[in-house]
Amino acid sequence: MPDAILHIGFNKCGSTALQQWLGAQEDALLARSIWYRRMDPRTDVVCTNPHLQVLAFTLAGQPVPSRPMNAVLGIPEGDRVAQDAVAHAFREQFEAQVANGGFTTWVGSSEALVSRFMTPEAISALAEWLSGLFGNVRYVAYVRRPETWLVSLFGHQLRKTASAEELTAFVDRFGPAPFARLLDLWRSAVGQDALDVRLFDESWLDGGGLITDFQTVLGLPAGTLPSRSKRVNTSFRARMTPWSRAPKRPALSAQTREKISQLNADDMSWVESTFFADRRTEFRNWAAGPEAGR
């Protein structure tokens, strides 16, 4: 039975760069008995495998509440027949490829699995299905500090919508980052030992970079494969107007930074105690950000 490593996001935490690297190294990975294949009908984005979210909800007997994923896969809203057909076709193809073998580890990646729409039932159903196909299943998530994540998300939204919303209003509207809530759902479904939470920060990543770090997750010695990746987020590029493509990430004021810190204090404390109990001092230094050392 092969093993599996599933990268479950989060968005704005290097997922695009990681998926671009995986796609570029597909043949090189297979030569090392690691199977990765981009599974996405879209050609203008990098995010892969939206089918996994649809299959998760179908296995749980629930409709997919995510309109973007439904649209991507041609599922009319609320059409369970179409949803089940997409899920069945994907499951049949995927299980056949696993049965054919030729690899010892499957690696997948999909931010859709940590979207705000995910339910405990869908996560548990997907985890149970994967456990029936693979011997050891590991789930990997990279997490950023809430303030840098929110600023990055805010810049993404500005470029996507050309909104005139201010950062402070965005922070008030968005509330806490979703890391703790969604990690808790996955932890409850797959067990803490199977969930590998890693901090998206050079001081934590093995080798100081995301791609090098993920190679260690795959069990590859450092330097086995090239670690450079073209870091371009294509998820909304085709819909942007030319003027909106310029960077628009504002600097955080001390007041806004403190507001974000307070909004996320309980959640970050939970992440620390749950996944980094043996590295509390280092985690707190990371969570405080570079400004704390100034």
C-alpha atoms as a PDB file:
ATOM      1  CA  MET A   1       0.000   0.000   0.000  1.00  0.00           C
ATOM      2  CA  PRO A   2       1.493   3.397  -0.928  1.00  0.00           C
ATOM      3  CA  ASP A   3       1.545   6.334   1.463  1.00  0.00           C
ATOM      4  CA  ALA A   4       0.072   9.802   0.925  1.00  0.00           C
ATOM      5  CA  ILE A   5       0.993  13.392   1.731  1.00  0.00           C
ATOM      6  CA  LEU A   6      -1.778  15.930   1.248  1.00  0.00           C
ATOM      7  CA  HIS A   7      -0.990  19.649   1.428  1.00  0.00           C
ATOM      8  CA  ILE A   8      -4.217  21.317   2.535  1.00  0.00           C
ATOM      9  CA  GLY A   9      -3.206  24.979   2.192  1.00  0.00           C
ATOM     10  CA  PHE A  10      -3.741  27.672   3.510  1.00  0.00           C
ATOM     11  CA  ASN A  11      -4.138  30.276   0.799  1.00  0.00           C
ATOM     12  CA  LYS A  12      -1.630  33.148   0.868  1.00  0.00           C
ATOM     13  CA  CYS A  13       0.842  30.786   2.554  1.00  0.00           C
ATOM     14  CA  GLY A  14       2.948  29.814  -0.444  1.00  0.00           C
ATOM     15  CA  SER A  15       0.485  27.335  -1.946  1.00  0.00           C
ATOM     16  CA  THR A  16       0.837  28.724  -5.471  1.00  0.00           C
ATOM     17  CA  ALA A  17       4.637  28.515  -5.391  1.00  0.00           C
ATOM     18  CA  LEU A  18       4.472  24.993  -3.994  1.00  0.00           C
ATOM     19  CA  GLN A  19       2.003  23.824  -6.635  1.00  0.00           C
ATOM     20  CA  GLN A  20       4.032  25.389  -9.423  1.00  0.00           C
ATOM     21  CA  TRP A  21       7.108  23.578  -8.170  1.00  0.00           C
ATOM     22  CA  LEU A  22       5.272  20.254  -7.881  1.00  0.00           C
ATOM     23  CA  GLY A  23       3.965  20.605 -11.426  1.00  0.00           C
ATOM     24  CA  ALA A  24       7.381  21.507 -12.809  1.00  0.00           C
ATOM     25  CA  GLN A  25       8.984  18.534 -11.035  1.00  0.00           C
ATOM     26  CA  GLU A  26       6.272  15.981 -11.824  1.00  0.00           C
ATOM     27  CA  ASP A  27       8.530  13.685 -13.862  1.00  0.00           C
ATOM     28  CA  ALA A  28      11.494  14.085 -11.519  1.00  0.00           C
ATOM     29  CA  LEU A  29       9.292  13.227  -8.551  1.00  0.00           C
ATOM     30  CA  LEU A  30       7.880  10.136 -10.247  1.00  0.00           C
ATOM     31  CA  ALA A  31      11.427   8.969 -10.952  1.00  0.00           C
ATOM     32  CA  ARG A  32      11.779   8.951  -7.156  1.00  0.00           C
ATOM     33  CA  SER A  33       8.519   7.026  -6.752  1.00  0.00           C
ATOM     34  CA  ILE A  34       6.482  10.114  -5.745  1.00  0.00           C
ATOM     35  CA  TRP A  35       3.317  10.585  -7.790  1.00  0.00           C
ATOM     36  CA  TYR A  36       1.996  14.088  -8.301  1.00  0.00           C
ATOM     37  CA  ARG A  37      -0.342  15.143 -11.074  1.00  0.00           C
ATOM     38  CA  ARG A  38      -2.096  18.435 -11.515  1.00  0.00           C
ATOM     39  CA  MET A  39      -5.834  17.751 -11.460  1.00  0.00           C
ATOM     40  CA  ASP A  40      -7.671  20.908 -12.426  1.00  0.00           C
ATOM     41  CA  PRO A  41      -9.704  21.704 -15.561  1.00  0.00           C
ATOM     42  CA  ARG A  42      -8.589  25.348 -15.478  1.00  0.00           C
ATOM     43  CA  THR A  43      -5.525  26.455 -17.382  1.00  0.00           C
ATOM     44  CA  ASP A  44      -5.269  30.007 -16.021  1.00  0.00           C
ATOM     45  CA  VAL A  45      -4.758  29.112 -12.350  1.00  0.00           C
ATOM     46  CA  VAL A  46      -2.397  26.944 -10.337  1.00  0.00           C
ATOM     47  CA  CYS A  47      -4.648  25.763  -7.475  1.00  0.00           C
ATOM     48  CA  THR A  48      -5.044  22.040  -8.017  1.00  0.00           C
ATOM     49  CA  ASN A  49      -7.553  19.331  -7.315  1.00  0.00           C
ATOM     50  CA  PRO A  50     -10.853  21.111  -6.616  1.00  0.00           C
ATOM     51  CA  HIS A  51     -12.377  17.644  -7.093  1.00  0.00           C
ATOM     52  CA  LEU A  52     -11.189  16.672  -3.606  1.00  0.00           C
ATOM     53  CA  GLN A  53     -13.533  19.193  -2.003  1.00  0.00           C
ATOM     54  CA  VAL A  54     -16.458  18.031  -4.143  1.00  0.00           C
ATOM     55  CA  LEU A  55     -15.701  14.386  -3.334  1.00  0.00           C
ATOM     56  CA  ALA A  56     -15.456  15.170   0.389  1.00  0.00           C
ATOM     57  CA  PHE A  57     -18.949  16.671   0.468  1.00  0.00           C
ATOM     58  CA  THR A  58     -20.381  13.940  -1.737  1.00  0.00           C
ATOM     59  CA  LEU A  59     -18.960  11.199   0.498  1.00  0.00           C
ATOM     60  CA  ALA A  60     -20.536  13.006   3.460  1.00  0.00           C
ATOM     61  CA  GLY A  61     -23.900  13.211   1.692  1.00  0.00           C
ATOM     62  CA  GLN A  62     -23.800  17.015   1.643  1.00  0.00           C
ATOM     63  CA  PRO A  63     -24.121  19.572  -1.150  1.00  0.00           C
ATOM     64  CA  VAL A  64     -20.997  21.534  -1.979  1.00  0.00           C
ATOM     65  CA  PRO A  65     -21.651  25.056  -0.649  1.00  0.00           C
ATOM     66  CA  SER A  66     -18.702  26.562  -2.518  1.00  0.00           C
ATOM     67  CA  ARG A  67     -19.946  28.326  -5.627  1.00  0.00           C
ATOM     68  CA  PRO A  68     -16.437  28.814  -7.063  1.00  0.00           C
ATOM     69  CA  MET A  69     -15.686  25.086  -6.979  1.00  0.00           C
ATOM     70  CA  ASN A  70     -19.081  24.260  -8.454  1.00  0.00           C
ATOM     71  CA  ALA A  71     -18.514  26.712 -11.295  1.00  0.00           C
ATOM     72  CA  VAL A  72     -15.009  25.385 -11.963  1.00  0.00           C
ATOM     73  CA  LEU A  73     -16.287  21.841 -12.345  1.00  0.00           C
ATOM     74  CA  GLY A  74     -19.485  22.702 -14.208  1.00  0.00           C
ATOM     75  CA  ILE A  75     -21.865  21.839 -11.374  1.00  0.00           C
ATOM     76  CA  PRO A  76     -25.057  23.951 -11.386  1.00  0.00           C
ATOM     77  CA  GLU A  77     -25.795  25.332  -7.932  1.00  0.00           C
ATOM     78  CA  GLY A  78     -27.796  22.848  -5.883  1.00  0.00           C
ATOM     79  CA  ASP A  79     -27.619  20.116  -8.551  1.00  0.00           C
ATOM     80  CA  ARG A  80     -26.756  17.008  -6.538  1.00  0.00           C
ATOM     81  CA  VAL A  81     -26.950  14.750  -9.578  1.00  0.00           C
ATOM     82  CA  ALA A  82     -24.238  16.760 -11.329  1.00  0.00           C
ATOM     83  CA  GLN A  83     -22.191  16.956  -8.116  1.00  0.00           C
ATOM     84  CA  ASP A  84     -22.372  13.187  -7.603  1.00  0.00           C
ATOM     85  CA  ALA A  85     -21.412  12.549 -11.234  1.00  0.00           C
ATOM     86  CA  VAL A  86     -18.300  14.739 -10.969  1.00  0.00           C
ATOM     87  CA  ALA A  87     -17.309  13.120  -7.671  1.00  0.00           C
ATOM     88  CA  HIS A  88     -17.888   9.601  -8.982  1.00  0.00           C
ATOM     89  CA  ALA A  89     -15.857  10.175 -12.151  1.00  0.00           C
ATOM     90  CA  PHE A  90     -12.948  11.614 -10.175  1.00  0.00           C
ATOM     91  CA  ARG A  91     -13.053   8.853  -7.559  1.00  0.00           C
ATOM     92  CA  GLU A  92     -13.158   6.135 -10.195  1.00  0.00           C
ATOM     93  CA  GLN A  93     -10.195   7.586 -12.090  1.00  0.00           C
ATOM     94  CA  PHE A  94      -8.142   8.265  -8.974  1.00  0.00           C
ATOM     95  CA  GLU A  95      -8.702   4.831  -7.439  1.00  0.00           C
ATOM     96  CA  ALA A  96      -7.777   3.163 -10.734  1.00  0.00           C
ATOM     97  CA  GLN A  97      -4.505   5.106 -10.857  1.00  0.00           C
ATOM     98  CA  VAL A  98      -3.708   4.142  -7.271  1.00  0.00           C
ATOM     99  CA  ALA A  99      -4.468   0.482  -8.066  1.00  0.00           C
ATOM    100  CA  ASN A 100      -2.112   0.597 -11.066  1.00  0.00           C
ATOM    101  CA  GLY A 101       0.730   1.452  -8.689  1.00  0.00           C
ATOM    102  CA  GLY A 102       4.152   2.512  -9.853  1.00  0.00           C
ATOM    103  CA  PHE A 103       4.778   4.824  -6.892  1.00  0.00           C
ATOM    104  CA  THR A 104       5.308   4.632  -3.147  1.00  0.00           C
ATOM    105  CA  THR A 105       3.932   8.079  -2.190  1.00  0.00           C
ATOM    106  CA  TRP A 106       1.125  10.165  -3.610  1.00  0.00           C
ATOM    107  CA  VAL A 107       1.348  13.905  -2.970  1.00  0.00           C
ATOM    108  CA  GLY A 108      -1.583  16.246  -3.462  1.00  0.00           C
ATOM    109  CA  SER A 109      -2.294  19.921  -2.835  1.00  0.00           C
ATOM    110  CA  SER A 110      -5.539  21.867  -2.603  1.00  0.00           C
ATOM    111  CA  GLU A 111      -6.400  25.070  -0.734  1.00  0.00           C
ATOM    112  CA  ALA A 112     -10.069  24.199  -1.233  1.00  0.00           C
ATOM    113  CA  LEU A 113      -9.729  21.749   1.665  1.00  0.00           C
ATOM    114  CA  VAL A 114      -9.301  24.586   4.152  1.00  0.00           C
ATOM    115  CA  SER A 115     -11.925  26.892   2.699  1.00  0.00           C
ATOM    116  CA  ARG A 116     -14.450  28.451   5.042  1.00  0.00           C
ATOM    117  CA  PHE A 117     -17.080  26.093   3.619  1.00  0.00           C
ATOM    118  CA  MET A 118     -15.529  22.853   4.892  1.00  0.00           C
ATOM    119  CA  THR A 119     -17.578  20.863   7.411  1.00  0.00           C
ATOM    120  CA  PRO A 120     -16.477  18.255   9.982  1.00  0.00           C
ATOM    121  CA  GLU A 121     -18.478  15.606   8.137  1.00  0.00           C
ATOM    122  CA  ALA A 122     -16.827  16.350   4.780  1.00  0.00           C
ATOM    123  CA  ILE A 123     -13.325  16.329   6.260  1.00  0.00           C
ATOM    124  CA  SER A 124     -13.937  13.066   8.113  1.00  0.00           C
ATOM    125  CA  ALA A 125     -15.409  11.417   5.016  1.00  0.00           C
ATOM    126  CA  LEU A 126     -12.446  12.414   2.849  1.00  0.00           C
ATOM    127  CA  ALA A 127      -9.945  11.280   5.488  1.00  0.00           C
ATOM    128  CA  GLU A 128     -11.682   7.912   5.779  1.00  0.00           C
ATOM    129  CA  TRP A 129     -11.582   7.451   1.985  1.00  0.00           C
ATOM    130  CA  LEU A 130      -7.887   8.291   1.814  1.00  0.00           C
ATOM    131  CA  SER A 131      -7.121   5.929   4.695  1.00  0.00           C
ATOM    132  CA  GLY A 132      -8.703   3.118   2.706  1.00  0.00           C
ATOM    133  CA  LEU A 133      -6.406   3.775  -0.260  1.00  0.00           C
ATOM    134  CA  PHE A 134      -3.098   4.543   1.439  1.00  0.00           C
ATOM    135  CA  GLY A 135      -1.107   3.096   4.292  1.00  0.00           C
ATOM    136  CA  ASN A 136       0.098   6.237   6.063  1.00  0.00           C
ATOM    137  CA  VAL A 137      -1.613   9.555   5.293  1.00  0.00           C
ATOM    138  CA  ARG A 138      -0.033  12.840   6.397  1.00  0.00           C
ATOM    139  CA  TYR A 139      -1.710  16.229   6.134  1.00  0.00           C
ATOM    140  CA  VAL A 140       0.486  19.332   5.822  1.00  0.00           C
ATOM    141  CA  ALA A 141      -0.533  22.946   6.427  1.00  0.00           C
ATOM    142  CA  TYR A 142       1.612  26.083   6.353  1.00  0.00           C
ATOM    143  CA  VAL A 143       0.524  28.978   8.565  1.00  0.00           C
ATOM    144  CA  ARG A 144       1.524  32.656   8.511  1.00  0.00           C
ATOM    145  CA  ARG A 145       1.356  35.282  11.228  1.00  0.00           C
ATOM    146  CA  PRO A 146      -2.184  36.730  11.169  1.00  0.00           C
ATOM    147  CA  GLU A 147      -1.097  40.305  10.387  1.00  0.00           C
ATOM    148  CA  THR A 148       1.058  39.372   7.391  1.00  0.00           C
ATOM    149  CA  TRP A 149      -1.620  36.947   6.180  1.00  0.00           C
ATOM    150  CA  LEU A 150      -4.370  39.567   6.413  1.00  0.00           C
ATOM    151  CA  VAL A 151      -2.299  42.203   4.618  1.00  0.00           C
ATOM    152  CA  SER A 152      -1.539  39.724   1.847  1.00  0.00           C
ATOM    153  CA  LEU A 153      -5.207  38.747   1.597  1.00  0.00           C
ATOM    154  CA  PHE A 154      -6.204  42.402   1.576  1.00  0.00           C
ATOM    155  CA  GLY A 155      -3.830  43.118  -1.303  1.00  0.00           C
ATOM    156  CA  HIS A 156      -5.244  40.122  -3.163  1.00  0.00           C
ATOM    157  CA  GLN A 157      -8.784  41.425  -2.738  1.00  0.00           C
ATOM    158  CA  LEU A 158      -7.826  44.915  -3.911  1.00  0.00           C
ATOM    159  CA  ARG A 159      -6.222  43.598  -7.067  1.00  0.00           C
ATOM    160  CA  LYS A 160      -9.161  41.299  -7.697  1.00  0.00           C
ATOM    161  CA  THR A 161     -11.999  43.764  -7.102  1.00  0.00           C
ATOM    162  CA  ALA A 162     -10.390  47.234  -7.278  1.00  0.00           C
ATOM    163  CA  SER A 163     -12.269  47.968  -4.056  1.00  0.00           C
ATOM    164  CA  ALA A 164     -11.774  51.256  -2.237  1.00  0.00           C
ATOM    165  CA  GLU A 165     -12.058  49.548   1.163  1.00  0.00           C
ATOM    166  CA  GLU A 166      -9.498  50.589   3.769  1.00  0.00           C
ATOM    167  CA  LEU A 167      -7.330  48.033   5.557  1.00  0.00           C
ATOM    168  CA  THR A 168      -8.819  48.854   8.956  1.00  0.00           C
ATOM    169  CA  ALA A 169     -12.340  48.261   7.629  1.00  0.00           C
ATOM    170  CA  PHE A 170     -11.201  44.998   6.035  1.00  0.00           C
ATOM    171  CA  VAL A 171      -9.741  43.818   9.353  1.00  0.00           C
ATOM    172  CA  ASP A 172     -12.970  44.663  11.184  1.00  0.00           C
ATOM    173  CA  ARG A 173     -15.053  42.883   8.567  1.00  0.00           C
ATOM    174  CA  PHE A 174     -12.855  39.799   8.275  1.00  0.00           C
ATOM    175  CA  GLY A 175     -12.211  39.179  11.963  1.00  0.00           C
ATOM    176  CA  PRO A 176      -9.741  36.521  13.149  1.00  0.00           C
ATOM    177  CA  ALA A 177      -7.702  34.486  10.670  1.00  0.00           C
ATOM    178  CA  PRO A 178      -9.266  31.037  10.159  1.00  0.00           C
ATOM    179  CA  PHE A 179      -6.188  28.954  11.016  1.00  0.00           C
ATOM    180  CA  ALA A 180      -7.206  27.671  14.449  1.00  0.00           C
ATOM    181  CA  ARG A 181     -10.810  26.857  13.535  1.00  0.00           C
ATOM    182  CA  LEU A 182      -9.925  24.899  10.413  1.00  0.00           C
ATOM    183  CA  LEU A 183      -6.886  23.175  11.899  1.00  0.00           C
ATOM    184  CA  ASP A 184      -9.081  22.017  14.762  1.00  0.00           C
ATOM    185  CA  LEU A 185     -11.542  20.486  12.286  1.00  0.00           C
ATOM    186  CA  TRP A 186      -8.736  18.570  10.580  1.00  0.00           C
ATOM    187  CA  ARG A 187      -7.115  17.559  13.865  1.00  0.00           C
ATOM    188  CA  SER A 188     -10.406  16.164  15.114  1.00  0.00           C
ATOM    189  CA  ALA A 189     -10.867  14.170  11.904  1.00  0.00           C
ATOM    190  CA  VAL A 190      -7.388  12.769  11.258  1.00  0.00           C
ATOM    191  CA  GLY A 191      -5.703  12.896  14.655  1.00  0.00           C
ATOM    192  CA  GLN A 192      -2.976  15.235  15.788  1.00  0.00           C
ATOM    193  CA  ASP A 193      -0.131  12.895  14.819  1.00  0.00           C
ATOM    194  CA  ALA A 194      -1.247  12.929  11.181  1.00  0.00           C
ATOM    195  CA  LEU A 195      -1.458  16.738  10.950  1.00  0.00           C
ATOM    196  CA  ASP A 196       1.864  18.482  10.304  1.00  0.00           C
ATOM    197  CA  VAL A 197       1.502  22.225  10.938  1.00  0.00           C
ATOM    198  CA  ARG A 198       4.477  24.264   9.736  1.00  0.00           C
ATOM    199  CA  LEU A 199       5.154  27.977  10.024  1.00  0.00           C
ATOM    200  CA  PHE A 200       5.614  29.930   6.801  1.00  0.00           C
ATOM    201  CA  ASP A 201       8.714  31.757   7.903  1.00  0.00           C
ATOM    202  CA  GLU A 202      12.359  31.507   6.881  1.00  0.00           C
ATOM    203  CA  SER A 203      13.547  31.006  10.444  1.00  0.00           C
ATOM    204  CA  TRP A 204      11.367  27.876  10.751  1.00  0.00           C
ATOM    205  CA  LEU A 205      11.469  26.324   7.303  1.00  0.00           C
ATOM    206  CA  ASP A 206      14.121  23.669   6.717  1.00  0.00           C
ATOM    207  CA  GLY A 207      16.747  25.200   4.460  1.00  0.00           C
ATOM    208  CA  GLY A 208      15.140  28.624   4.885  1.00  0.00           C
ATOM    209  CA  GLY A 209      12.640  28.239   2.034  1.00  0.00           C
ATOM    210  CA  LEU A 210       9.216  26.744   1.375  1.00  0.00           C
ATOM    211  CA  ILE A 211      10.253  24.461  -1.496  1.00  0.00           C
ATOM    212  CA  THR A 212      13.330  23.170   0.309  1.00  0.00           C
ATOM    213  CA  ASP A 213      11.198  22.595   3.401  1.00  0.00           C
ATOM    214  CA  PHE A 214       8.561  20.660   1.476  1.00  0.00           C
ATOM    215  CA  GLN A 215      11.243  18.460  -0.057  1.00  0.00           C
ATOM    216  CA  THR A 216      12.100  17.367   3.479  1.00  0.00           C
ATOM    217  CA  VAL A 217       8.402  16.640   4.038  1.00  0.00           C
ATOM    218  CA  LEU A 218       8.596  14.350   1.007  1.00  0.00           C
ATOM    219  CA  GLY A 219      11.646  12.650   2.467  1.00  0.00           C
ATOM    220  CA  LEU A 220      14.018  13.965  -0.202  1.00  0.00           C
ATOM    221  CA  PRO A 221      17.576  14.869   0.829  1.00  0.00           C
ATOM    222  CA  ALA A 222      18.438  18.551   0.542  1.00  0.00           C
ATOM    223  CA  GLY A 223      19.443  19.510  -2.984  1.00  0.00           C
ATOM    224  CA  THR A 224      17.828  16.466  -4.602  1.00  0.00           C
ATOM    225  CA  LEU A 225      15.701  18.665  -6.873  1.00  0.00           C
ATOM    226  CA  PRO A 226      15.904  22.343  -7.841  1.00  0.00           C
ATOM    227  CA  SER A 227      14.176  24.453  -5.219  1.00  0.00           C
ATOM    228  CA  ARG A 228      13.437  27.593  -7.176  1.00  0.00           C
ATOM    229  CA  SER A 229       9.849  28.257  -8.197  1.00  0.00           C
ATOM    230  CA  LYS A 230       8.202  31.053 -10.140  1.00  0.00           C
ATOM    231  CA  ARG A 231       6.157  32.754  -7.450  1.00  0.00           C
ATOM    232  CA  VAL A 232       3.228  34.172  -9.351  1.00  0.00           C
ATOM    233  CA  ASN A 233      -0.339  33.930  -8.091  1.00  0.00           C
ATOM    234  CA  THR A 234      -2.498  33.324 -11.148  1.00  0.00           C
ATOM    235  CA  SER A 235      -5.762  32.692  -9.356  1.00  0.00           C
ATOM    236  CA  PHE A 236      -7.322  35.961 -10.538  1.00  0.00           C
ATOM    237  CA  ARG A 237      -4.819  37.296 -13.081  1.00  0.00           C
ATOM    238  CA  ALA A 238      -7.119  36.860 -16.080  1.00  0.00           C
ATOM    239  CA  ARG A 239      -9.801  39.018 -14.452  1.00  0.00           C
ATOM    240  CA  MET A 240      -7.581  41.920 -13.396  1.00  0.00           C
ATOM    241  CA  THR A 241      -7.469  45.247 -15.146  1.00  0.00           C
ATOM    242  CA  PRO A 242      -3.923  46.357 -16.032  1.00  0.00           C
ATOM    243  CA  TRP A 243      -3.908  49.224 -13.508  1.00  0.00           C
ATOM    244  CA  SER A 244      -4.927  46.908 -10.685  1.00  0.00           C
ATOM    245  CA  ARG A 245      -1.928  44.600 -11.038  1.00  0.00           C
ATOM    246  CA  ALA A 246       0.474  46.860  -9.165  1.00  0.00           C
ATOM    247  CA  PRO A 247       1.271  45.883  -5.552  1.00  0.00           C
ATOM    248  CA  LYS A 248      -1.121  47.495  -3.092  1.00  0.00           C
ATOM    249  CA  ARG A 249      -0.049  46.134   0.260  1.00  0.00           C
ATOM    250  CA  PRO A 250      -0.168  48.966   2.774  1.00  0.00           C
ATOM    251  CA  ALA A 251       2.112  49.203   5.773  1.00  0.00           C
ATOM    252  CA  LEU A 252       0.448  48.269   9.031  1.00  0.00           C
ATOM    253  CA  SER A 253       0.013  51.026  11.573  1.00  0.00           C
ATOM    254  CA  ALA A 254       0.786  50.169  15.184  1.00  0.00           C
ATOM    255  CA  GLN A 255      -2.914  50.554  16.008  1.00  0.00           C
ATOM    256  CA  THR A 256      -4.045  48.141  13.280  1.00  0.00           C
ATOM    257  CA  ARG A 257      -1.318  45.664  14.201  1.00  0.00           C
ATOM    258  CA  GLU A 258      -2.480  45.701  17.817  1.00  0.00           C
ATOM    259  CA  LYS A 259      -6.098  45.224  16.741  1.00  0.00           C
ATOM    260  CA  ILE A 260      -5.156  42.166  14.665  1.00  0.00           C
ATOM    261  CA  SER A 261      -3.100  40.801  17.545  1.00  0.00           C
ATOM    262  CA  GLN A 262      -6.032  41.116  19.946  1.00  0.00           C
ATOM    263  CA  LEU A 263      -8.483  39.577  17.465  1.00  0.00           C
ATOM    264  CA  ASN A 264      -6.230  36.544  17.016  1.00  0.00           C
ATOM    265  CA  ALA A 265      -4.794  36.186  20.530  1.00  0.00           C
ATOM    266  CA  ASP A 266      -6.951  33.246  21.638  1.00  0.00           C
ATOM    267  CA  ASP A 267      -6.579  31.402  18.345  1.00  0.00           C
ATOM    268  CA  MET A 268      -2.810  31.809  18.241  1.00  0.00           C
ATOM    269  CA  SER A 269      -2.574  30.647  21.840  1.00  0.00           C
ATOM    270  CA  TRP A 270      -4.467  27.505  20.833  1.00  0.00           C
ATOM    271  CA  VAL A 271      -2.155  26.890  17.853  1.00  0.00           C
ATOM    272  CA  GLU A 272       0.850  27.304  20.136  1.00  0.00           C
ATOM    273  CA  SER A 273      -0.348  24.933  22.847  1.00  0.00           C
ATOM    274  CA  THR A 274      -1.694  22.360  20.395  1.00  0.00           C
ATOM    275  CA  PHE A 275       1.126  22.123  17.851  1.00  0.00           C
ATOM    276  CA  PHE A 276       4.153  23.912  19.311  1.00  0.00           C
ATOM    277  CA  ALA A 277       4.099  23.089  23.013  1.00  0.00           C
ATOM    278  CA  ASP A 278       7.731  22.000  22.825  1.00  0.00           C
ATOM    279  CA  ARG A 279       8.841  25.230  21.128  1.00  0.00           C
ATOM    280  CA  ARG A 280       6.815  27.875  22.916  1.00  0.00           C
ATOM    281  CA  THR A 281       9.522  30.525  23.147  1.00  0.00           C
ATOM    282  CA  GLU A 282      10.402  30.244  19.476  1.00  0.00           C
ATOM    283  CA  PHE A 283       6.727  30.276  18.516  1.00  0.00           C
ATOM    284  CA  ARG A 284       6.073  33.421  20.527  1.00  0.00           C
ATOM    285  CA  ASN A 285       9.056  35.152  18.973  1.00  0.00           C
ATOM    286  CA  TRP A 286       7.701  34.205  15.554  1.00  0.00           C
ATOM    287  CA  ALA A 287       4.157  35.316  16.437  1.00  0.00           C
ATOM    288  CA  ALA A 288       5.411  38.656  17.750  1.00  0.00           C
ATOM    289  CA  GLY A 289       7.006  39.399  14.376  1.00  0.00           C
ATOM    290  CA  PRO A 290      10.291  41.077  13.493  1.00  0.00           C
ATOM    291  CA  GLU A 291       9.174  44.351  15.038  1.00  0.00           C
ATOM    292  CA  ALA A 292       9.367  42.783  18.506  1.00  0.00           C
ATOM    293  CA  GLY A 293      13.130  42.603  18.289  1.00  0.00           C
ATOM    294  CA  ARG A 294      13.594  46.245  17.386  1.00  0.00           C
END
